[in-house]
C-alpha atoms as a PDB file:
ATOM      1  CA  UNK A   1      20.127 -25.202 -11.325  1.00  0.00           C
ATOM      2  CA  UNK A   2      19.138 -22.485  -8.721  1.00  0.00           C
ATOM      3  CA  UNK A   3      15.675 -22.301  -7.400  1.00  0.00           C
ATOM      4  CA  UNK A   4      14.937 -18.891  -9.019  1.00  0.00           C
ATOM      5  CA  UNK A   5      16.239 -20.319 -12.437  1.00  0.00           C
ATOM      6  CA  UNK A   6      13.592 -23.106 -12.195  1.00  0.00           C
ATOM      7  CA  UNK A   7      10.749 -20.412 -11.192  1.00  0.00           C
ATOM      8  CA  UNK A   8      11.925 -18.202 -14.197  1.00  0.00           C
ATOM      9  CA  UNK A   9      11.616 -21.072 -16.608  1.00  0.00           C
ATOM     10  CA  UNK A  10       8.141 -22.037 -15.351  1.00  0.00           C
ATOM     11  CA  UNK A  11       7.119 -18.341 -15.368  1.00  0.00           C
ATOM     12  CA  UNK A  12       8.041 -18.081 -19.088  1.00  0.00           C
ATOM     13  CA  UNK A  13       6.013 -21.269 -19.769  1.00  0.00           C
ATOM     14  CA  UNK A  14       2.850 -19.733 -18.434  1.00  0.00           C
ATOM     15  CA  UNK A  15       0.470 -18.528 -20.851  1.00  0.00           C
ATOM     16  CA  UNK A  16      -0.386 -14.896 -20.789  1.00  0.00           C
ATOM     17  CA  UNK A  17       2.914 -14.114 -19.157  1.00  0.00           C
ATOM     18  CA  UNK A  18       5.580 -12.329 -21.373  1.00  0.00           C
ATOM     19  CA  UNK A  19       8.639 -11.427 -19.658  1.00  0.00           C
ATOM     20  CA  UNK A  20      11.168  -8.945 -21.234  1.00  0.00           C
ATOM     21  CA  UNK A  21      13.772  -8.629 -18.597  1.00  0.00           C
ATOM     22  CA  UNK A  22      16.613 -11.092 -17.381  1.00  0.00           C
ATOM     23  CA  UNK A  23      16.105 -13.352 -14.387  1.00  0.00           C
ATOM     24  CA  UNK A  24      18.989 -11.606 -12.492  1.00  0.00           C
ATOM     25  CA  UNK A  25      16.478  -8.749 -11.858  1.00  0.00           C
ATOM     26  CA  UNK A  26      14.393 -10.900  -9.604  1.00  0.00           C
ATOM     27  CA  UNK A  27      17.409 -11.962  -7.410  1.00  0.00           C
ATOM     28  CA  UNK A  28      17.397  -8.724  -5.486  1.00  0.00           C
ATOM     29  CA  UNK A  29      13.986  -9.251  -4.288  1.00  0.00           C
ATOM     30  CA  UNK A  30      12.498  -5.795  -4.971  1.00  0.00           C
ATOM     31  CA  UNK A  31      11.886  -3.259  -7.925  1.00  0.00           C
ATOM     32  CA  UNK A  32       9.718  -2.975 -10.821  1.00  0.00           C
ATOM     33  CA  UNK A  33      10.144  -6.594 -12.329  1.00  0.00           C
ATOM     34  CA  UNK A  34       9.501  -8.181  -8.996  1.00  0.00           C
ATOM     35  CA  UNK A  35       6.177  -6.244  -8.618  1.00  0.00           C
ATOM     36  CA  UNK A  36       5.685  -7.133 -12.182  1.00  0.00           C
ATOM     37  CA  UNK A  37       6.091 -10.979 -11.671  1.00  0.00           C
ATOM     38  CA  UNK A  38       3.947 -10.639  -8.310  1.00  0.00           C
ATOM     39  CA  UNK A  39       1.039  -8.943 -10.081  1.00  0.00           C
ATOM     40  CA  UNK A  40       1.047 -11.605 -12.937  1.00  0.00           C
ATOM     41  CA  UNK A  41       1.143 -14.207 -10.310  1.00  0.00           C
ATOM     42  CA  UNK A  42      -1.787 -12.771  -8.572  1.00  0.00           C
ATOM     43  CA  UNK A  43      -3.752 -12.500 -11.873  1.00  0.00           C
ATOM     44  CA  UNK A  44      -3.218 -16.086 -12.570  1.00  0.00           C
ATOM     45  CA  UNK A  45      -4.343 -17.376  -8.983  1.00  0.00           C
ATOM     46  CA  UNK A  46      -7.482 -15.330  -9.361  1.00  0.00           C
ATOM     47  CA  UNK A  47      -8.170 -16.795 -12.888  1.00  0.00           C
ATOM     48  CA  UNK A  48      -7.643 -20.056 -11.656  1.00  0.00           C
ATOM     49  CA  UNK A  49      -9.962 -19.521  -8.736  1.00  0.00           C
ATOM     50  CA  UNK A  50     -12.489 -18.100 -11.242  1.00  0.00           C
ATOM     51  CA  UNK A  51     -12.627 -14.984  -9.407  1.00  0.00           C
ATOM     52  CA  UNK A  52     -14.886 -12.017 -10.409  1.00  0.00           C
ATOM     53  CA  UNK A  53     -14.731  -8.356  -9.521  1.00  0.00           C
ATOM     54  CA  UNK A  54     -18.075  -7.020  -8.358  1.00  0.00           C
ATOM     55  CA  UNK A  55     -18.889  -3.305  -8.516  1.00  0.00           C
ATOM     56  CA  UNK A  56     -18.390  -1.618  -5.006  1.00  0.00           C
ATOM     57  CA  UNK A  57     -21.445  -1.016  -2.688  1.00  0.00           C
ATOM     58  CA  UNK A  58     -21.211   2.738  -1.974  1.00  0.00           C
ATOM     59  CA  UNK A  59     -23.141   3.385   1.374  1.00  0.00           C
ATOM     60  CA  UNK A  60     -24.723   6.795   1.686  1.00  0.00           C
ATOM     61  CA  UNK A  61     -22.693   9.372   3.718  1.00  0.00           C
ATOM     62  CA  UNK A  62     -23.931   9.752   7.250  1.00  0.00           C
ATOM     63  CA  UNK A  63     -23.206  13.619   7.402  1.00  0.00           C
ATOM     64  CA  UNK A  64     -24.136  15.131  10.796  1.00  0.00           C
ATOM     65  CA  UNK A  65     -21.975  18.113   9.913  1.00  0.00           C
ATOM     66  CA  UNK A  66     -19.386  17.731  12.865  1.00  0.00           C
ATOM     67  CA  UNK A  67     -16.876  15.952  11.062  1.00  0.00           C
ATOM     68  CA  UNK A  68     -14.654  18.693   9.162  1.00  0.00           C
ATOM     69  CA  UNK A  69     -15.708  21.538  11.457  1.00  0.00           C
ATOM     70  CA  UNK A  70     -12.809  23.117  13.360  1.00  0.00           C
ATOM     71  CA  UNK A  71     -12.913  25.650  16.191  1.00  0.00           C
ATOM     72  CA  UNK A  72     -10.986  28.705  15.211  1.00  0.00           C
ATOM     73  CA  UNK A  73      -8.772  28.171  18.400  1.00  0.00           C
ATOM     74  CA  UNK A  74      -7.775  24.747  17.053  1.00  0.00           C
ATOM     75  CA  UNK A  75      -7.159  25.192  13.405  1.00  0.00           C
ATOM     76  CA  UNK A  76      -3.540  26.141  14.028  1.00  0.00           C
ATOM     77  CA  UNK A  77      -0.974  24.420  16.274  1.00  0.00           C
ATOM     78  CA  UNK A  78       1.789  27.016  17.428  1.00  0.00           C
ATOM     79  CA  UNK A  79       5.006  26.412  19.150  1.00  0.00           C
ATOM     80  CA  UNK A  80       3.592  28.732  21.933  1.00  0.00           C
ATOM     81  CA  UNK A  81       0.623  26.400  22.362  1.00  0.00           C
ATOM     82  CA  UNK A  82       2.817  23.361  22.685  1.00  0.00           C
ATOM     83  CA  UNK A  83       5.002  25.057  25.250  1.00  0.00           C
ATOM     84  CA  UNK A  84       2.139  26.278  27.282  1.00  0.00           C
ATOM     85  CA  UNK A  85       0.594  22.632  27.272  1.00  0.00           C
ATOM     86  CA  UNK A  86       4.279  21.141  28.056  1.00  0.00           C
ATOM     87  CA  UNK A  87       4.599  23.681  30.979  1.00  0.00           C
ATOM     88  CA  UNK A  88       1.077  22.784  32.362  1.00  0.00           C
ATOM     89  CA  UNK A  89       1.714  19.168  32.111  1.00  0.00           C
ATOM     90  CA  UNK A  90       5.461  18.964  33.166  1.00  0.00           C
ATOM     91  CA  UNK A  91       5.763  22.018  35.253  1.00  0.00           C
ATOM     92  CA  UNK A  92       9.014  23.681  35.573  1.00  0.00           C
ATOM     93  CA  UNK A  93      11.132  20.782  34.293  1.00  0.00           C
ATOM     94  CA  UNK A  94      11.287  22.288  30.815  1.00  0.00           C
END
């Protein structure tokens, strides 16, 4: 019996894990079924560790007003500006 088949039989024995797809879907190692199994394994690990989610602590925003302000000249990048900067840096090699 291959390792993935042993894993499949153990997965079906765990309580709270109902699997409705064939084990061959796990052999490819990617896809919706693989994510499903990984999610259930993570859930079981969190339960076994008695993990409890806590509400997030939302810190007040430090708004100094400068984060989202753009200068009018910097708000648009054009090909001309890029070419001018490249000429300024590289000289006549362009």
